[in-house]
Amino acid sequence: MGGTASVLALLDAHADSVGSRIAWELRVRVSGGPECVGLTAGAGHVLIYGPVCLDGRAVTHINARLDALLRRERRIVEDHNSRPRLI
């Protein structure tokens, strides 16, 4: 995908914006390989979605999950080990 660094920066900025509105630290980080990313939550950057290869489809899916969190259609909860999970 052309402009991978800029796409990653835009996704990460969207995640940060959503996170500040729902009281979770959210980031999009390289995960599982140089062309793969994942959505993380919490101070420990626990993977809650991915890793997925960074392409147009992945961008759409990550943005959709972030937008669903804003609309409260999805949420992040802590499991029995206090690790965040996207449900």
N, C-alpha and C. Protein backbone atom coordinates (compact mmCIF):
# COMPACT_ATOMS: atom_id res chain seq x y z
N MET A 1 0.86 -1.17 0.00
CA MET A 1 0.00 0.00 0.00
C MET A 1 0.90 1.23 0.00
N GLY A 2 0.67 2.13 -0.93
CA GLY A 2 1.47 3.34 -1.02
C GLY A 2 1.28 4.23 0.20
N GLY A 3 2.38 4.84 0.64
CA GLY A 3 2.30 5.75 1.77
C GLY A 3 1.96 5.07 3.07
N THR A 4 2.54 3.89 3.28
CA THR A 4 2.22 3.10 4.47
C THR A 4 2.40 3.90 5.76
N ALA A 5 3.49 4.65 5.86
CA ALA A 5 3.73 5.42 7.08
C ALA A 5 2.64 6.47 7.30
N SER A 6 2.20 7.11 6.23
CA SER A 6 1.17 8.14 6.38
C SER A 6 -0.19 7.51 6.70
N VAL A 7 -0.47 6.35 6.11
CA VAL A 7 -1.72 5.64 6.42
C VAL A 7 -1.72 5.20 7.87
N LEU A 8 -0.59 4.67 8.32
CA LEU A 8 -0.47 4.25 9.72
C LEU A 8 -0.63 5.44 10.66
N ALA A 9 -0.05 6.57 10.31
CA ALA A 9 -0.17 7.77 11.14
C ALA A 9 -1.63 8.25 11.22
N LEU A 10 -2.33 8.21 10.10
CA LEU A 10 -3.75 8.62 10.10
C LEU A 10 -4.60 7.67 10.94
N LEU A 11 -4.37 6.36 10.79
CA LEU A 11 -5.12 5.39 11.60
C LEU A 11 -4.83 5.57 13.08
N ASP A 12 -3.55 5.79 13.41
CA ASP A 12 -3.18 5.96 14.81
C ASP A 12 -3.80 7.23 15.39
N ALA A 13 -3.85 8.30 14.60
CA ALA A 13 -4.48 9.54 15.07
C ALA A 13 -5.98 9.33 15.30
N HIS A 14 -6.63 8.57 14.41
CA HIS A 14 -8.06 8.27 14.59
C HIS A 14 -8.26 7.45 15.86
N ALA A 15 -7.40 6.44 16.06
CA ALA A 15 -7.49 5.62 17.27
C ALA A 15 -7.29 6.46 18.53
N ASP A 16 -6.33 7.36 18.49
CA ASP A 16 -6.08 8.23 19.65
C ASP A 16 -7.29 9.11 19.93
N SER A 17 -7.89 9.65 18.89
CA SER A 17 -9.07 10.50 19.05
C SER A 17 -10.24 9.72 19.65
N VAL A 18 -10.49 8.54 19.10
CA VAL A 18 -11.58 7.71 19.63
C VAL A 18 -11.28 7.32 21.07
N GLY A 19 -10.05 6.91 21.32
CA GLY A 19 -9.67 6.50 22.67
C GLY A 19 -9.90 7.59 23.71
N SER A 20 -9.57 8.82 23.35
CA SER A 20 -9.77 9.92 24.30
C SER A 20 -11.25 10.16 24.58
N ARG A 21 -12.10 9.82 23.63
CA ARG A 21 -13.54 10.03 23.80
C ARG A 21 -14.21 8.88 24.56
N ILE A 22 -13.60 7.70 24.56
CA ILE A 22 -14.21 6.56 25.25
C ILE A 22 -13.40 6.13 26.48
N ALA A 23 -12.40 6.91 26.83
CA ALA A 23 -11.59 6.68 28.04
C ALA A 23 -10.75 5.40 27.97
N TRP A 24 -10.19 5.12 26.79
CA TRP A 24 -9.25 4.02 26.61
C TRP A 24 -8.07 4.56 25.81
N GLU A 25 -6.88 4.12 26.13
CA GLU A 25 -5.71 4.45 25.32
C GLU A 25 -5.71 3.50 24.13
N LEU A 26 -5.98 4.01 22.94
CA LEU A 26 -6.02 3.21 21.72
C LEU A 26 -4.90 3.64 20.78
N ARG A 27 -4.28 2.67 20.14
CA ARG A 27 -3.22 2.93 19.17
C ARG A 27 -3.31 1.92 18.04
N VAL A 28 -2.81 2.30 16.88
CA VAL A 28 -2.60 1.37 15.78
C VAL A 28 -1.09 1.24 15.65
N ARG A 29 -0.61 0.01 15.78
CA ARG A 29 0.82 -0.27 15.82
C ARG A 29 1.20 -1.36 14.82
N VAL A 30 2.45 -1.30 14.35
CA VAL A 30 2.98 -2.39 13.55
C VAL A 30 3.00 -3.63 14.43
N SER A 31 2.50 -4.75 13.89
CA SER A 31 2.38 -5.96 14.70
C SER A 31 2.44 -7.19 13.80
N GLY A 32 3.31 -8.10 14.10
CA GLY A 32 3.36 -9.35 13.35
C GLY A 32 4.17 -9.30 12.07
N GLY A 33 4.76 -8.19 11.77
CA GLY A 33 5.57 -8.05 10.55
C GLY A 33 5.54 -6.62 10.08
N PRO A 34 6.47 -6.25 9.21
CA PRO A 34 6.58 -4.84 8.80
C PRO A 34 5.37 -4.31 8.02
N GLU A 35 4.60 -5.17 7.40
CA GLU A 35 3.43 -4.73 6.63
C GLU A 35 2.12 -5.02 7.35
N CYS A 36 2.19 -5.42 8.62
CA CYS A 36 1.00 -5.78 9.38
C CYS A 36 0.79 -4.81 10.53
N VAL A 37 -0.47 -4.56 10.86
CA VAL A 37 -0.79 -3.65 11.95
C VAL A 37 -1.87 -4.28 12.84
N GLY A 38 -2.01 -3.71 14.01
CA GLY A 38 -3.06 -4.13 14.91
C GLY A 38 -3.54 -2.96 15.73
N LEU A 39 -4.76 -3.06 16.21
CA LEU A 39 -5.35 -2.06 17.09
C LEU A 39 -5.10 -2.50 18.52
N THR A 40 -4.49 -1.63 19.32
CA THR A 40 -4.17 -1.97 20.70
C THR A 40 -4.95 -1.09 21.67
N ALA A 41 -5.12 -1.60 22.89
CA ALA A 41 -5.82 -0.85 23.93
C ALA A 41 -5.06 -0.96 25.24
N GLY A 42 -5.17 0.09 26.03
CA GLY A 42 -4.57 0.11 27.35
C GLY A 42 -3.12 0.53 27.34
N ALA A 43 -2.61 0.82 28.53
CA ALA A 43 -1.23 1.27 28.67
C ALA A 43 -0.23 0.22 28.22
N GLY A 44 -0.62 -1.06 28.31
CA GLY A 44 0.26 -2.13 27.89
C GLY A 44 0.18 -2.44 26.41
N HIS A 45 -0.61 -1.70 25.67
CA HIS A 45 -0.79 -1.87 24.22
C HIS A 45 -1.14 -3.32 23.87
N VAL A 46 -2.20 -3.83 24.49
CA VAL A 46 -2.68 -5.18 24.24
C VAL A 46 -3.45 -5.21 22.94
N LEU A 47 -3.11 -6.14 22.08
CA LEU A 47 -3.75 -6.27 20.78
C LEU A 47 -5.21 -6.66 20.95
N ILE A 48 -6.13 -5.82 20.41
CA ILE A 48 -7.56 -6.15 20.47
C ILE A 48 -8.14 -6.42 19.09
N TYR A 49 -7.37 -6.11 18.04
CA TYR A 49 -7.77 -6.46 16.67
C TYR A 49 -6.51 -6.59 15.84
N GLY A 50 -6.40 -7.68 15.12
CA GLY A 50 -5.26 -7.90 14.25
C GLY A 50 -4.32 -8.93 14.84
N PRO A 51 -3.16 -9.05 14.29
CA PRO A 51 -2.59 -8.24 13.23
C PRO A 51 -3.19 -8.57 11.86
N VAL A 52 -3.25 -7.55 11.02
CA VAL A 52 -3.74 -7.68 9.65
C VAL A 52 -2.75 -6.96 8.73
N CYS A 53 -2.65 -7.46 7.50
CA CYS A 53 -1.79 -6.79 6.52
C CYS A 53 -2.40 -5.44 6.18
N LEU A 54 -1.58 -4.42 6.18
CA LEU A 54 -2.05 -3.06 5.96
C LEU A 54 -2.36 -2.85 4.48
N ASP A 55 -3.64 -2.96 4.15
CA ASP A 55 -4.12 -2.69 2.80
C ASP A 55 -5.43 -1.91 2.94
N GLY A 56 -6.05 -1.62 1.81
CA GLY A 56 -7.29 -0.83 1.84
C GLY A 56 -8.38 -1.48 2.67
N ARG A 57 -8.46 -2.80 2.59
CA ARG A 57 -9.49 -3.52 3.36
C ARG A 57 -9.23 -3.40 4.87
N ALA A 58 -7.98 -3.53 5.28
CA ALA A 58 -7.64 -3.42 6.69
C ALA A 58 -7.94 -2.02 7.22
N VAL A 59 -7.63 -1.01 6.42
CA VAL A 59 -7.93 0.37 6.82
C VAL A 59 -9.42 0.53 7.05
N THR A 60 -10.22 0.00 6.12
CA THR A 60 -11.68 0.07 6.26
C THR A 60 -12.14 -0.64 7.53
N HIS A 61 -11.60 -1.83 7.80
CA HIS A 61 -12.02 -2.60 8.97
C HIS A 61 -11.62 -1.92 10.28
N ILE A 62 -10.42 -1.38 10.33
CA ILE A 62 -9.98 -0.71 11.56
C ILE A 62 -10.83 0.54 11.80
N ASN A 63 -11.04 1.34 10.75
CA ASN A 63 -11.88 2.53 10.89
C ASN A 63 -13.30 2.16 11.31
N ALA A 64 -13.84 1.07 10.76
CA ALA A 64 -15.19 0.64 11.12
C ALA A 64 -15.26 0.25 12.60
N ARG A 65 -14.25 -0.43 13.09
CA ARG A 65 -14.24 -0.80 14.51
C ARG A 65 -14.14 0.43 15.40
N LEU A 66 -13.31 1.38 15.01
CA LEU A 66 -13.18 2.61 15.80
C LEU A 66 -14.50 3.38 15.79
N ASP A 67 -15.13 3.48 14.63
CA ASP A 67 -16.41 4.19 14.54
C ASP A 67 -17.49 3.47 15.35
N ALA A 68 -17.47 2.14 15.34
CA ALA A 68 -18.45 1.37 16.13
C ALA A 68 -18.24 1.61 17.63
N LEU A 69 -16.99 1.78 18.05
CA LEU A 69 -16.73 2.10 19.46
C LEU A 69 -17.34 3.46 19.81
N LEU A 70 -17.20 4.42 18.92
CA LEU A 70 -17.80 5.74 19.16
C LEU A 70 -19.32 5.68 19.24
N ARG A 71 -19.92 4.86 18.40
CA ARG A 71 -21.38 4.73 18.39
C ARG A 71 -21.88 3.78 19.49
N ARG A 72 -20.95 3.21 20.24
CA ARG A 72 -21.27 2.27 21.33
C ARG A 72 -21.90 0.97 20.82
N GLU A 73 -21.63 0.64 19.56
CA GLU A 73 -22.06 -0.65 19.01
C GLU A 73 -21.07 -1.75 19.39
N ARG A 74 -19.84 -1.37 19.65
CA ARG A 74 -18.80 -2.27 20.16
C ARG A 74 -18.26 -1.62 21.41
N ARG A 75 -17.59 -2.42 22.23
CA ARG A 75 -16.97 -1.85 23.42
C ARG A 75 -15.76 -2.66 23.80
N ILE A 76 -14.98 -2.10 24.68
CA ILE A 76 -13.79 -2.75 25.19
C ILE A 76 -14.05 -3.08 26.65
N VAL A 77 -13.82 -4.32 27.02
CA VAL A 77 -13.99 -4.76 28.40
C VAL A 77 -12.71 -5.46 28.83
N GLU A 78 -12.51 -5.54 30.12
CA GLU A 78 -11.38 -6.29 30.65
C GLU A 78 -11.80 -7.71 30.93
N ASP A 79 -10.96 -8.68 30.53
CA ASP A 79 -11.27 -10.08 30.81
C ASP A 79 -10.86 -10.42 32.24
N HIS A 80 -10.94 -11.70 32.59
CA HIS A 80 -10.63 -12.13 33.96
C HIS A 80 -9.17 -11.91 34.35
N ASN A 81 -8.31 -11.66 33.35
CA ASN A 81 -6.90 -11.35 33.62
C ASN A 81 -6.62 -9.85 33.51
N SER A 82 -7.67 -9.06 33.49
CA SER A 82 -7.58 -7.60 33.37
C SER A 82 -6.95 -7.15 32.05
N ARG A 83 -7.10 -7.96 31.01
CA ARG A 83 -6.62 -7.60 29.68
C ARG A 83 -7.80 -7.09 28.86
N PRO A 84 -7.62 -6.00 28.12
CA PRO A 84 -8.73 -5.47 27.32
C PRO A 84 -9.09 -6.39 26.17
N ARG A 85 -10.38 -6.45 25.90
CA ARG A 85 -10.92 -7.25 24.80
C ARG A 85 -11.99 -6.43 24.08
N LEU A 86 -12.00 -6.51 22.76
CA LEU A 86 -13.00 -5.83 21.95
C LEU A 86 -14.18 -6.76 21.76
N ILE A 87 -15.36 -6.31 22.18
CA ILE A 87 -16.55 -7.14 22.00
C ILE A 87 -17.61 -6.37 21.24
